[in-house]
Amino acid sequence: MGEPKALLKFGSVTLIERTVAELRRAFSEVIVVAAPPNQAGFALPKLEARTVFDPTPFEGPLLALKLGLETMEGKIAFVCPCDAPALRAEVGLGLCAALDDYDAAIPFIDGRFQPLLAAYHKRCWAAAQALLERGERRLRALVPMLKVRILDERAMRVLDPELSALFNVNTPDDYHAVLRRPR
């Protein structure tokens, strides 16, 4: 992108501010895991969320998940990226409700797990820690270690008819396309 995705403007706010505000509508505890400002080269705006900094920047989503899980006070976490501008809190609530006695509730769309938009039980931090100790950084590596409730496309469309929460801003073209869409 050439700049931090979290700080891209989406209307009058940044993507991270929009994500936090949306989640605050439904969740009492919102935690942002981010690279330390002095190491990442940018600083987050003031957020209505608890911020936890990676000890090493850009180590990947597995470490971020572990840090968030061990920091949170509750037992169930809805995990999402900061660059999903169409995310609705109701999707997170639905994924959390699907957890039941599973370790995680993860969408499976187009033949791929989507572990960056999922619900996790706090106990998953131990499996994440074990992977990190082995040098693993990919969040997908966690999936086979967990008892997972899989939400296929049909189940996800009940929560998100257009599957728009799964759209991430990964390129400048993605970003400009999002800006052209009606809100």
Protein backbone atom coordinates (compact mmCIF):
# COMPACT_ATOMS: atom_id res chain seq x y z
CA MET A 1 0.00 0.00 0.00
CA GLY A 2 2.91 2.34 0.59
CA GLU A 3 1.40 3.50 3.89
CA PRO A 4 -0.18 1.84 6.95
CA LYS A 5 -3.60 0.46 6.01
CA ALA A 6 -4.97 1.20 9.47
CA LEU A 7 -4.44 4.93 8.87
CA LEU A 8 -6.11 5.15 5.46
CA LYS A 9 -9.00 7.60 5.52
CA PHE A 10 -12.51 6.23 5.23
CA GLY A 11 -14.74 9.29 5.21
CA SER A 12 -13.73 11.48 8.12
CA VAL A 13 -12.04 8.67 10.08
CA THR A 14 -9.25 6.17 9.53
CA LEU A 15 -9.95 2.50 8.85
CA ILE A 16 -8.86 1.57 12.38
CA GLU A 17 -11.10 4.23 13.93
CA ARG A 18 -14.03 2.99 11.83
CA THR A 19 -13.37 -0.64 12.85
CA VAL A 20 -13.12 0.20 16.55
CA ALA A 21 -16.28 2.35 16.46
CA GLU A 22 -18.19 -0.42 14.72
CA LEU A 23 -17.09 -3.05 17.23
CA ARG A 24 -17.86 -0.78 20.19
CA ARG A 25 -21.51 -0.89 19.12
CA ALA A 26 -21.70 -4.55 20.19
CA PHE A 27 -18.64 -5.44 22.27
CA SER A 28 -17.75 -4.03 25.67
CA GLU A 29 -14.10 -5.00 25.30
CA VAL A 30 -12.20 -3.97 22.17
CA ILE A 31 -8.47 -4.68 21.93
CA VAL A 32 -6.24 -3.46 19.12
CA VAL A 33 -2.95 -5.31 18.64
CA ALA A 34 -0.46 -3.14 16.76
CA ALA A 35 3.21 -2.67 16.03
CA PRO A 36 4.96 -0.30 18.43
CA PRO A 37 4.85 3.26 17.05
CA ASN A 38 8.58 3.84 17.39
CA GLN A 39 9.35 0.66 15.41
CA ALA A 40 6.49 0.76 12.91
CA GLY A 41 7.17 4.32 11.77
CA PHE A 42 3.63 5.53 12.51
CA ALA A 43 1.40 6.14 15.50
CA LEU A 44 -2.20 5.11 15.88
CA PRO A 45 -4.80 7.77 16.58
CA LYS A 46 -6.39 7.82 20.03
CA LEU A 47 -8.86 4.92 20.05
CA GLU A 48 -11.71 3.87 22.30
CA ALA A 49 -9.97 0.54 22.76
CA ARG A 50 -7.18 -1.01 24.74
CA THR A 51 -4.02 -1.14 22.62
CA VAL A 52 -1.47 -3.91 22.97
CA PHE A 53 1.81 -3.57 21.12
CA ASP A 54 3.71 -6.42 19.49
CA PRO A 55 7.14 -6.81 21.11
CA THR A 56 8.52 -7.04 17.56
CA PRO A 57 6.71 -5.27 14.73
CA PHE A 58 5.19 -7.13 11.80
CA GLU A 59 5.53 -10.62 13.27
CA GLY A 60 2.17 -11.59 11.85
CA PRO A 61 -1.39 -12.37 12.87
CA LEU A 62 -0.63 -15.48 14.94
CA LEU A 63 1.34 -13.43 17.46
CA ALA A 64 -1.32 -10.72 17.38
CA LEU A 65 -4.01 -13.31 18.17
CA LYS A 66 -2.00 -14.75 21.05
CA LEU A 67 -1.36 -11.28 22.50
CA GLY A 68 -5.02 -10.32 22.21
CA LEU A 69 -6.25 -13.58 23.76
CA GLU A 70 -3.92 -13.40 26.73
CA THR A 71 -4.78 -9.72 27.29
CA MET A 72 -8.56 -9.97 27.15
CA GLU A 73 -10.73 -10.29 30.20
CA GLY A 74 -13.54 -12.28 28.55
CA LYS A 75 -13.47 -15.86 27.31
CA ILE A 76 -14.56 -15.32 23.69
CA ALA A 77 -12.90 -13.03 21.18
CA PHE A 78 -14.08 -11.85 17.80
CA VAL A 79 -10.98 -11.30 15.70
CA CYS A 80 -10.91 -9.12 12.61
CA PRO A 81 -8.44 -7.12 10.55
CA CYS A 82 -8.38 -3.32 10.62
CA ASP A 83 -8.72 -3.13 6.83
CA ALA A 84 -12.23 -4.56 6.36
CA PRO A 85 -14.23 -1.37 5.76
CA ALA A 86 -17.60 -3.12 5.33
CA LEU A 87 -17.35 -5.06 8.59
CA ARG A 88 -20.50 -4.97 10.72
CA ALA A 89 -20.51 -5.78 14.43
CA GLU A 90 -23.39 -8.21 13.86
CA VAL A 91 -21.06 -10.49 11.91
CA GLY A 92 -18.79 -10.68 14.94
CA LEU A 93 -21.70 -11.36 17.25
CA GLY A 94 -22.89 -14.15 14.96
CA LEU A 95 -19.47 -15.78 14.85
CA CYS A 96 -19.20 -15.57 18.64
CA ALA A 97 -22.66 -17.12 19.01
CA ALA A 98 -21.59 -19.99 16.73
CA LEU A 99 -18.67 -20.87 18.99
CA ASP A 100 -20.65 -23.00 21.48
CA ASP A 101 -18.15 -25.50 22.95
CA TYR A 102 -15.71 -25.20 20.03
CA ASP A 103 -12.30 -23.55 20.25
CA ALA A 104 -13.00 -21.41 17.20
CA ALA A 105 -15.75 -20.51 14.70
CA ILE A 106 -14.08 -19.83 11.37
CA PRO A 107 -15.57 -19.07 7.93
CA PHE A 108 -14.57 -21.43 5.11
CA ILE A 109 -15.13 -19.65 1.81
CA ASP A 110 -13.94 -20.62 -1.67
CA GLY A 111 -11.98 -23.57 -0.32
CA ARG A 112 -10.06 -21.53 2.26
CA PHE A 113 -10.34 -20.87 5.96
CA GLN A 114 -10.66 -17.20 6.87
CA PRO A 115 -9.01 -17.15 10.32
CA LEU A 116 -8.61 -13.36 10.34
CA LEU A 117 -12.40 -12.99 10.62
CA ALA A 118 -13.35 -15.51 13.27
CA ALA A 119 -14.29 -16.13 16.89
CA TYR A 120 -11.82 -17.78 19.25
CA HIS A 121 -12.04 -19.05 22.80
CA LYS A 122 -9.39 -17.61 25.13
CA ARG A 123 -7.89 -21.09 25.64
CA CYS A 124 -6.57 -20.98 22.03
CA TRP A 125 -3.66 -18.82 23.20
CA ALA A 126 -1.79 -21.96 24.36
CA ALA A 127 -1.89 -23.53 20.88
CA ALA A 128 -0.83 -20.21 19.35
CA GLN A 129 2.07 -20.00 21.81
CA ALA A 130 3.19 -23.54 20.95
CA LEU A 131 3.26 -22.67 17.24
CA LEU A 132 5.16 -19.45 17.87
CA GLU A 133 7.76 -21.33 19.90
CA ARG A 134 8.32 -23.55 16.85
CA GLY A 135 8.84 -20.48 14.66
CA GLU A 136 5.43 -20.57 12.99
CA ARG A 137 3.90 -17.19 12.14
CA ARG A 138 0.90 -18.12 9.96
CA LEU A 139 -2.52 -17.96 11.57
CA ARG A 140 -3.77 -20.73 9.26
CA ALA A 141 -1.36 -23.14 10.98
CA LEU A 142 -3.49 -22.83 14.12
CA VAL A 143 -6.66 -24.18 12.49
CA PRO A 144 -5.75 -27.92 12.53
CA MET A 145 -4.79 -27.66 16.21
CA LEU A 146 -8.27 -26.54 17.26
CA LYS A 147 -11.76 -27.93 17.51
CA VAL A 148 -13.29 -25.69 14.84
CA ARG A 149 -16.88 -24.93 13.95
CA ILE A 150 -16.73 -24.29 10.24
CA LEU A 151 -19.11 -21.73 8.77
CA ASP A 152 -19.50 -22.42 5.08
CA GLU A 153 -20.59 -19.79 2.58
CA ARG A 154 -24.29 -20.46 3.16
CA ALA A 155 -23.91 -20.03 6.94
CA MET A 156 -21.84 -16.89 6.50
CA ARG A 157 -24.41 -15.37 4.13
CA VAL A 158 -26.96 -15.59 6.94
CA LEU A 159 -24.67 -13.26 8.93
CA ASP A 160 -23.39 -11.22 5.99
CA PRO A 161 -25.48 -11.65 2.79
CA GLU A 162 -22.86 -10.07 0.51
CA LEU A 163 -19.86 -11.51 2.42
CA SER A 164 -18.62 -7.93 2.49
CA ALA A 165 -16.87 -8.34 5.87
CA LEU A 166 -14.40 -10.64 4.12
CA PHE A 167 -13.26 -7.89 1.76
CA ASN A 168 -9.92 -6.41 2.82
CA VAL A 169 -8.15 -3.37 1.46
CA ASN A 170 -4.89 -4.87 0.21
CA THR A 171 -3.98 -2.68 -2.76
CA PRO A 172 -4.43 0.96 -3.79
CA ASP A 173 -7.05 -0.25 -6.31
CA ASP A 174 -8.99 -1.97 -3.48
CA TYR A 175 -8.88 1.23 -1.46
CA HIS A 176 -10.11 3.42 -4.31
CA ALA A 177 -12.88 0.92 -5.10
CA VAL A 178 -14.06 1.07 -1.49
CA LEU A 179 -14.10 4.86 -1.56
CA ARG A 180 -16.35 4.79 -4.66
CA ARG A 181 -18.92 2.44 -3.08
CA PRO A 182 -22.01 3.87 -1.43
CA ARG A 183 -21.79 3.59 2.36
